[in-house]
Amino acid sequence: MDIQDIRELEVPAELQGERIDRVLAALLPDYSRSRLAAWLKAGRVRVDARVWRPAERVRGGERLRVDVAPERDERVRAQPIALDVVYADESVLVIDKPPDLVVHPGAGNPDGTLQNALLHYDPALQGVPRAGIVHRLDKDTSGLMVVARTLAAHKRLVEQLQARSVRRDYLAVVCGVMIAGGTVDQPIGRHPRERVRMAVHPGGREAVTHYRVVERFRAHTLVRASLETGRTHQIRVHMAWLRYPLVGDAVYGRRPLLPKAADERLVRTLRGFRRQALHAERLSFEHPADGRALRFEAAPPADLAALLAALRDDARAHADDV
């Protein structure tokens, strides 16, 4: 059973005339407005021992009693799944997610997810929305994610994401040889006919991806992509829109692109790469408790490292080709 956590507060005189929902937001800044509104609606806020409606206004001097005990979602259970924890303190975790790990339960993936693993790592995350997950990576995308360990950290990290102050840099191997980097500023929304896909179209939401060339191979390019926004499948959709789809992307890509006279190792590696070649390499944000600038970097996992090694060896072997 959860231990009850009650906050008792007095409404200061300077808030006289304000709505109770705005008073709560001012007095309890560590909690989101939506969470405070839900508590009001559920009767977890008492004003002078009475439940108030959100629009009622205070006079000043009222006594507030707020039940801030965390709400537990018993539908998601803890599971002993290994995690690569890059950083941990009382407020945040930084995880290097492997490919083939779904972030949270959904249709077709009721368990065995990062959320299940986090609840096993820290049972207290049961009291934070989605076990502290504030942004996601696709199942087959590897790399860095930040997780909030408290409601206050969750709120502040979400605010940073909304303010676009969280820096996320990805490594991607794309089909085709790029001449130069650039920026894609094209809206993304659900594909009008194929609902499992996203697409660039005028009715979508704003989506901005910056990218630059890191290394060129004979028929592929390693790029570093930085997200300004965080739409579903954003890098995959934008690269495909540029006609440089990611290697291994079964949704937005093409058959393996094989360079002329490629050796057996490269052919085998390209044909056997069955996920999008995308890795969240760098992550930067302000610590939600003390404001410190934090920056993390994670090397590509073994399968992506092997793909890059095969592409580099192929490029060297054919360096003298005209």
Protein backbone atom coordinates (compact mmCIF):
# COMPACT_ATOMS: atom_id res chain seq x y z
CA MET A 1 0.00 0.00 0.00
CA ASP A 2 1.29 3.48 -0.84
CA ILE A 3 2.21 5.79 2.05
CA GLN A 4 -0.08 8.79 1.98
CA ASP A 5 1.68 12.08 1.21
CA ILE A 6 -0.35 15.09 2.30
CA ARG A 7 0.67 18.70 1.64
CA GLU A 8 -0.94 21.32 3.86
CA LEU A 9 -0.67 24.90 2.60
CA GLU A 10 -2.16 28.31 3.25
CA VAL A 11 -3.27 30.54 0.38
CA PRO A 12 -1.23 33.77 0.60
CA ALA A 13 -3.07 37.11 0.55
CA GLU A 14 -1.44 38.15 -2.74
CA LEU A 15 -3.35 35.38 -4.57
CA GLN A 16 -6.73 36.79 -3.54
CA GLY A 17 -9.24 36.53 -6.38
CA GLU A 18 -7.35 33.82 -8.31
CA ARG A 19 -8.98 30.56 -9.42
CA ILE A 20 -8.12 27.59 -7.24
CA ASP A 21 -6.52 25.71 -10.17
CA ARG A 22 -4.14 28.64 -10.74
CA VAL A 23 -3.44 28.90 -7.03
CA LEU A 24 -2.41 25.24 -6.98
CA ALA A 25 -0.11 25.77 -9.96
CA ALA A 26 1.56 28.67 -8.14
CA LEU A 27 1.94 26.85 -4.82
CA LEU A 28 2.91 23.43 -6.22
CA PRO A 29 5.16 24.24 -9.21
CA ASP A 30 6.73 20.76 -9.23
CA TYR A 31 3.48 19.26 -10.55
CA SER A 32 1.99 19.79 -14.01
CA ARG A 33 -1.24 21.74 -14.45
CA SER A 34 -2.91 18.69 -15.95
CA ARG A 35 -1.99 16.57 -12.90
CA LEU A 36 -3.23 19.25 -10.49
CA ALA A 37 -6.48 19.53 -12.45
CA ALA A 38 -6.93 15.76 -12.24
CA TRP A 39 -6.41 15.88 -8.48
CA LEU A 40 -9.01 18.64 -8.17
CA LYS A 41 -11.50 16.60 -10.17
CA ALA A 42 -10.79 13.46 -8.11
CA GLY A 43 -11.40 15.27 -4.82
CA ARG A 44 -7.77 15.02 -3.71
CA VAL A 45 -7.66 18.77 -3.01
CA ARG A 46 -9.58 20.16 -0.03
CA VAL A 47 -10.02 23.88 0.57
CA ASP A 48 -11.02 24.54 4.18
CA ALA A 49 -12.08 20.85 4.29
CA ARG A 50 -14.29 21.20 1.21
CA VAL A 51 -13.83 19.96 -2.38
CA TRP A 52 -13.79 22.90 -4.80
CA ARG A 53 -14.45 23.24 -8.51
CA PRO A 54 -11.45 24.44 -10.61
CA ALA A 55 -13.03 27.83 -11.40
CA GLU A 56 -13.81 28.80 -7.78
CA ARG A 57 -11.78 31.77 -6.56
CA VAL A 58 -9.91 32.19 -3.30
CA ARG A 59 -10.11 35.06 -0.81
CA GLY A 60 -6.71 34.45 0.74
CA GLY A 61 -5.97 32.64 3.95
CA GLU A 62 -7.75 29.36 3.02
CA ARG A 63 -6.15 26.12 4.22
CA LEU A 64 -5.36 23.65 1.45
CA ARG A 65 -4.94 19.93 2.00
CA VAL A 66 -3.58 18.15 -1.08
CA ASP A 67 -3.13 14.39 -1.41
CA VAL A 68 -0.05 14.05 -3.62
CA ALA A 69 0.42 10.30 -3.17
CA PRO A 70 1.47 8.76 -6.50
CA GLU A 71 -1.06 6.89 -8.59
CA ARG A 72 0.06 3.39 -9.44
CA ASP A 73 -0.62 1.80 -12.81
CA GLU A 74 -0.86 -1.88 -11.91
CA ARG A 75 -1.34 -2.88 -15.54
CA VAL A 76 2.42 -2.59 -16.18
CA ARG A 77 4.43 -5.00 -14.07
CA ALA A 78 8.11 -5.02 -13.19
CA GLN A 79 10.25 -7.47 -15.16
CA PRO A 80 13.97 -8.33 -14.70
CA ILE A 81 15.21 -7.04 -18.06
CA ALA A 82 18.84 -5.90 -18.27
CA LEU A 83 19.41 -2.16 -18.63
CA ASP A 84 22.54 -0.30 -19.70
CA VAL A 85 22.42 2.62 -17.25
CA VAL A 86 24.82 5.35 -18.39
CA TYR A 87 24.02 7.77 -15.55
CA ALA A 88 21.85 7.73 -12.44
CA ASP A 89 21.04 10.11 -9.57
CA GLU A 90 17.97 10.85 -7.46
CA SER A 91 16.25 12.78 -10.27
CA VAL A 92 17.15 11.11 -13.57
CA LEU A 93 18.40 8.01 -15.31
CA VAL A 94 20.11 7.98 -18.69
CA ILE A 95 19.69 4.67 -20.53
CA ASP A 96 21.49 3.32 -23.60
CA LYS A 97 18.61 1.41 -25.18
CA PRO A 98 19.51 -1.63 -27.29
CA PRO A 99 17.81 -2.28 -30.62
CA ASP A 100 14.78 -4.59 -30.52
CA LEU A 101 13.51 -3.23 -27.20
CA VAL A 102 10.06 -1.61 -27.25
CA VAL A 103 9.86 1.48 -25.05
CA HIS A 104 6.44 0.95 -23.46
CA PRO A 105 3.61 -1.61 -23.69
CA GLY A 106 1.14 -1.34 -26.54
CA ALA A 107 -0.71 -3.38 -29.11
CA GLY A 108 1.31 -6.53 -29.79
CA ASN A 109 3.80 -5.77 -27.00
CA PRO A 110 2.01 -6.20 -23.65
CA ASP A 111 5.26 -6.61 -21.72
CA GLY A 112 9.00 -7.12 -22.15
CA THR A 113 9.46 -3.36 -22.65
CA LEU A 114 11.75 -0.66 -21.33
CA GLN A 115 8.94 0.46 -19.03
CA ASN A 116 8.73 -3.02 -17.48
CA ALA A 117 12.52 -3.02 -17.05
CA LEU A 118 12.52 0.41 -15.39
CA LEU A 119 9.92 -0.66 -12.83
CA HIS A 120 12.16 -3.58 -11.86
CA TYR A 121 15.22 -1.33 -11.65
CA ASP A 122 13.41 1.24 -9.48
CA PRO A 123 9.96 0.30 -8.09
CA ALA A 124 9.39 3.94 -7.05
CA LEU A 125 8.98 4.78 -10.76
CA GLN A 126 5.49 3.29 -10.46
CA GLY A 127 4.46 6.74 -9.17
CA VAL A 128 5.79 8.63 -12.22
CA PRO A 129 3.87 8.66 -15.54
CA ARG A 130 5.06 5.85 -17.81
CA ALA A 131 7.79 5.00 -15.29
CA GLY A 132 9.48 8.33 -16.06
CA ILE A 133 9.74 7.94 -19.83
CA VAL A 134 9.50 11.46 -21.31
CA HIS A 135 10.52 10.72 -24.91
CA ARG A 136 10.78 7.56 -26.94
CA LEU A 137 12.84 5.71 -29.49
CA ASP A 138 11.42 3.30 -32.04
CA LYS A 139 11.79 -0.38 -31.19
CA ASP A 140 14.66 -0.90 -33.63
CA THR A 141 16.45 2.39 -32.91
CA SER A 142 19.26 2.16 -30.38
CA GLY A 143 20.78 4.78 -28.12
CA LEU A 144 20.32 7.32 -25.36
CA MET A 145 17.13 8.17 -23.49
CA VAL A 146 16.58 10.23 -20.33
CA VAL A 147 14.12 8.98 -17.69
CA ALA A 148 12.64 11.10 -14.88
CA ARG A 149 12.69 9.52 -11.41
CA THR A 150 10.36 12.05 -9.73
CA LEU A 151 7.25 13.98 -10.69
CA ALA A 152 9.19 17.24 -10.42
CA ALA A 153 11.91 15.96 -12.76
CA HIS A 154 9.27 14.65 -15.15
CA LYS A 155 7.59 18.05 -15.33
CA ARG A 156 10.83 19.94 -15.94
CA LEU A 157 12.13 17.51 -18.56
CA VAL A 158 8.82 17.69 -20.44
CA GLU A 159 9.10 21.48 -20.32
CA GLN A 160 12.62 21.30 -21.78
CA LEU A 161 11.42 19.05 -24.57
CA GLN A 162 8.56 21.43 -25.33
CA ALA A 163 10.99 24.37 -25.32
CA ARG A 164 13.29 22.42 -27.70
CA SER A 165 16.24 22.81 -25.34
CA VAL A 166 16.99 19.06 -25.18
CA ARG A 167 19.67 18.25 -27.78
CA ARG A 168 19.37 14.87 -29.50
CA ASP A 169 21.90 13.82 -32.13
CA TYR A 170 21.57 10.58 -34.10
CA LEU A 171 23.88 8.61 -36.35
CA ALA A 172 22.19 7.20 -39.45
CA VAL A 173 23.46 5.21 -42.42
CA VAL A 174 21.49 6.13 -45.53
CA CYS A 175 21.30 4.72 -49.04
CA GLY A 176 22.96 6.97 -51.60
CA VAL A 177 25.93 9.33 -51.54
CA MET A 178 25.02 12.73 -50.11
CA ILE A 179 26.83 15.78 -51.42
CA ALA A 180 26.24 17.99 -48.39
CA GLY A 181 24.17 18.39 -45.26
CA GLY A 182 21.20 20.66 -44.70
CA THR A 183 17.87 21.05 -42.95
CA VAL A 184 14.51 19.43 -43.67
CA ASP A 185 11.61 21.60 -42.54
CA GLN A 186 8.61 19.56 -43.66
CA PRO A 187 5.45 18.72 -41.66
CA ILE A 188 4.84 15.09 -40.71
CA GLY A 189 1.54 13.36 -40.07
CA ARG A 190 -0.18 10.02 -40.48
CA HIS A 191 -0.02 8.66 -44.03
CA PRO A 192 -3.41 9.35 -45.67
CA ARG A 193 -3.83 5.75 -46.89
CA GLU A 194 -1.35 3.54 -45.00
CA ARG A 195 -2.13 4.19 -41.33
CA VAL A 196 0.93 2.39 -39.97
CA ARG A 197 3.18 4.87 -41.77
CA MET A 198 3.95 8.53 -41.28
CA ALA A 199 4.49 10.87 -44.20
CA VAL A 200 5.42 14.41 -45.18
CA HIS A 201 2.23 16.26 -46.05
CA PRO A 202 0.84 19.79 -45.60
CA GLY A 203 -1.68 18.77 -42.95
CA GLY A 204 0.98 17.33 -40.64
CA ARG A 205 2.67 18.84 -37.60
CA GLU A 206 5.81 20.94 -37.82
CA ALA A 207 8.94 18.80 -38.08
CA VAL A 208 12.53 20.05 -38.42
CA THR A 209 15.61 17.84 -38.86
CA HIS A 210 19.16 19.17 -39.28
CA TYR A 211 21.68 16.80 -40.83
CA ARG A 212 25.29 16.79 -41.93
CA VAL A 213 27.58 14.36 -43.69
CA VAL A 214 30.00 12.50 -41.42
CA GLU A 215 31.46 9.94 -43.86
CA ARG A 216 30.80 8.90 -47.45
CA PHE A 217 31.09 5.37 -48.83
CA ARG A 218 30.67 4.06 -52.37
CA ALA A 219 26.88 3.88 -52.28
CA HIS A 220 25.99 5.00 -48.75
CA THR A 221 26.52 7.91 -46.38
CA LEU A 222 26.91 8.16 -42.61
CA VAL A 223 25.05 11.27 -41.44
CA ARG A 224 24.50 12.92 -38.09
CA ALA A 225 20.93 14.14 -37.68
CA SER A 226 19.75 16.53 -34.97
CA LEU A 227 16.11 16.81 -33.98
CA GLU A 228 14.56 20.22 -33.43
CA THR A 229 11.14 18.60 -33.06
CA GLY A 230 10.23 15.05 -32.07
CA ARG A 231 7.65 13.61 -34.43
CA THR A 232 7.06 9.88 -34.83
CA HIS A 233 9.63 8.34 -37.23
CA GLN A 234 10.89 11.87 -37.98
CA ILE A 235 14.43 11.11 -39.18
CA ARG A 236 13.28 8.05 -41.12
CA VAL A 237 10.51 10.00 -42.88
CA HIS A 238 12.65 13.05 -43.63
CA MET A 239 15.57 11.03 -45.01
CA ALA A 240 13.20 9.02 -47.21
CA TRP A 241 11.61 12.29 -48.39
CA LEU A 242 15.12 13.42 -49.44
CA ARG A 243 15.43 10.10 -51.33
CA TYR A 244 18.12 8.89 -48.95
CA PRO A 245 16.25 6.24 -46.95
CA LEU A 246 17.92 4.54 -44.01
CA VAL A 247 19.65 1.22 -44.53
CA GLY A 248 17.44 -1.61 -43.24
CA ASP A 249 14.27 0.49 -42.96
CA ALA A 250 11.51 -1.92 -43.99
CA VAL A 251 8.80 0.78 -43.75
CA TYR A 252 10.34 3.74 -45.56
CA GLY A 253 13.31 2.16 -47.31
CA ARG A 254 14.15 0.00 -50.27
CA ARG A 255 15.91 -3.26 -51.03
CA PRO A 256 19.57 -3.34 -49.94
CA LEU A 257 21.65 -1.04 -52.14
CA LEU A 258 24.71 -3.05 -53.17
CA PRO A 259 27.77 -1.21 -54.55
CA LYS A 260 29.18 -2.55 -57.81
CA ALA A 261 31.56 -5.48 -57.24
CA ALA A 262 30.88 -5.53 -53.50
CA ASP A 263 32.55 -8.41 -51.71
CA GLU A 264 30.63 -11.22 -50.02
CA ARG A 265 31.06 -9.73 -46.55
CA LEU A 266 29.45 -6.41 -47.46
CA VAL A 267 26.64 -8.10 -49.39
CA ARG A 268 25.93 -10.37 -46.44
CA THR A 269 26.08 -7.47 -43.97
CA LEU A 270 23.74 -5.22 -45.97
CA ARG A 271 21.23 -7.99 -46.67
CA GLY A 272 21.32 -9.12 -43.06
CA PHE A 273 20.79 -5.67 -41.52
CA ARG A 274 17.10 -5.96 -40.63
CA ARG A 275 16.49 -2.76 -38.68
CA GLN A 276 16.79 0.91 -39.52
CA ALA A 277 20.43 1.96 -39.19
CA LEU A 278 19.70 4.65 -36.61
CA HIS A 279 21.40 5.28 -33.26
CA ALA A 280 20.74 8.05 -30.71
CA GLU A 281 24.40 8.90 -30.19
CA ARG A 282 24.32 12.11 -28.13
CA LEU A 283 21.94 13.58 -25.56
CA SER A 284 22.20 16.94 -23.78
CA PHE A 285 19.83 18.60 -21.31
CA GLU A 286 19.72 20.65 -18.12
CA HIS A 287 19.54 18.68 -14.90
CA PRO A 288 15.93 19.10 -13.74
CA ALA A 289 16.91 19.64 -10.09
CA ASP A 290 19.99 21.86 -10.18
CA GLY A 291 20.22 23.15 -13.76
CA ARG A 292 23.61 21.60 -14.53
CA ALA A 293 24.34 21.07 -18.22
CA LEU A 294 24.56 17.30 -18.81
CA ARG A 295 25.89 15.71 -21.99
CA PHE A 296 26.15 12.02 -22.80
CA GLU A 297 27.45 10.01 -25.74
CA ALA A 298 26.99 6.32 -26.59
CA ALA A 299 28.96 4.34 -29.15
CA PRO A 300 26.97 2.48 -31.83
CA PRO A 301 25.95 -1.08 -30.91
CA ALA A 302 27.70 -4.09 -32.41
CA ASP A 303 25.47 -4.53 -35.47
CA LEU A 304 25.81 -0.90 -36.56
CA ALA A 305 29.55 -0.91 -35.86
CA ALA A 306 29.90 -4.03 -38.05
CA LEU A 307 27.94 -2.36 -40.86
CA LEU A 308 30.19 0.71 -40.74
CA ALA A 309 33.31 -1.46 -40.69
CA ALA A 310 32.16 -3.37 -43.78
CA LEU A 311 31.34 -0.14 -45.64
CA ARG A 312 34.74 1.36 -44.76
CA ASP A 313 36.62 -1.75 -45.86
CA ASP A 314 34.70 -1.75 -49.14
CA ALA A 315 35.49 1.93 -49.72
CA ARG A 316 39.19 1.33 -49.09
CA ALA A 317 39.25 -1.72 -51.37
CA HIS A 318 37.83 0.32 -54.23
CA ALA A 319 39.61 3.62 -53.51
CA ASP A 320 41.42 3.51 -56.85
CA ASP A 321 38.30 2.77 -58.92
CA VAL A 322 37.37 5.47 -61.40
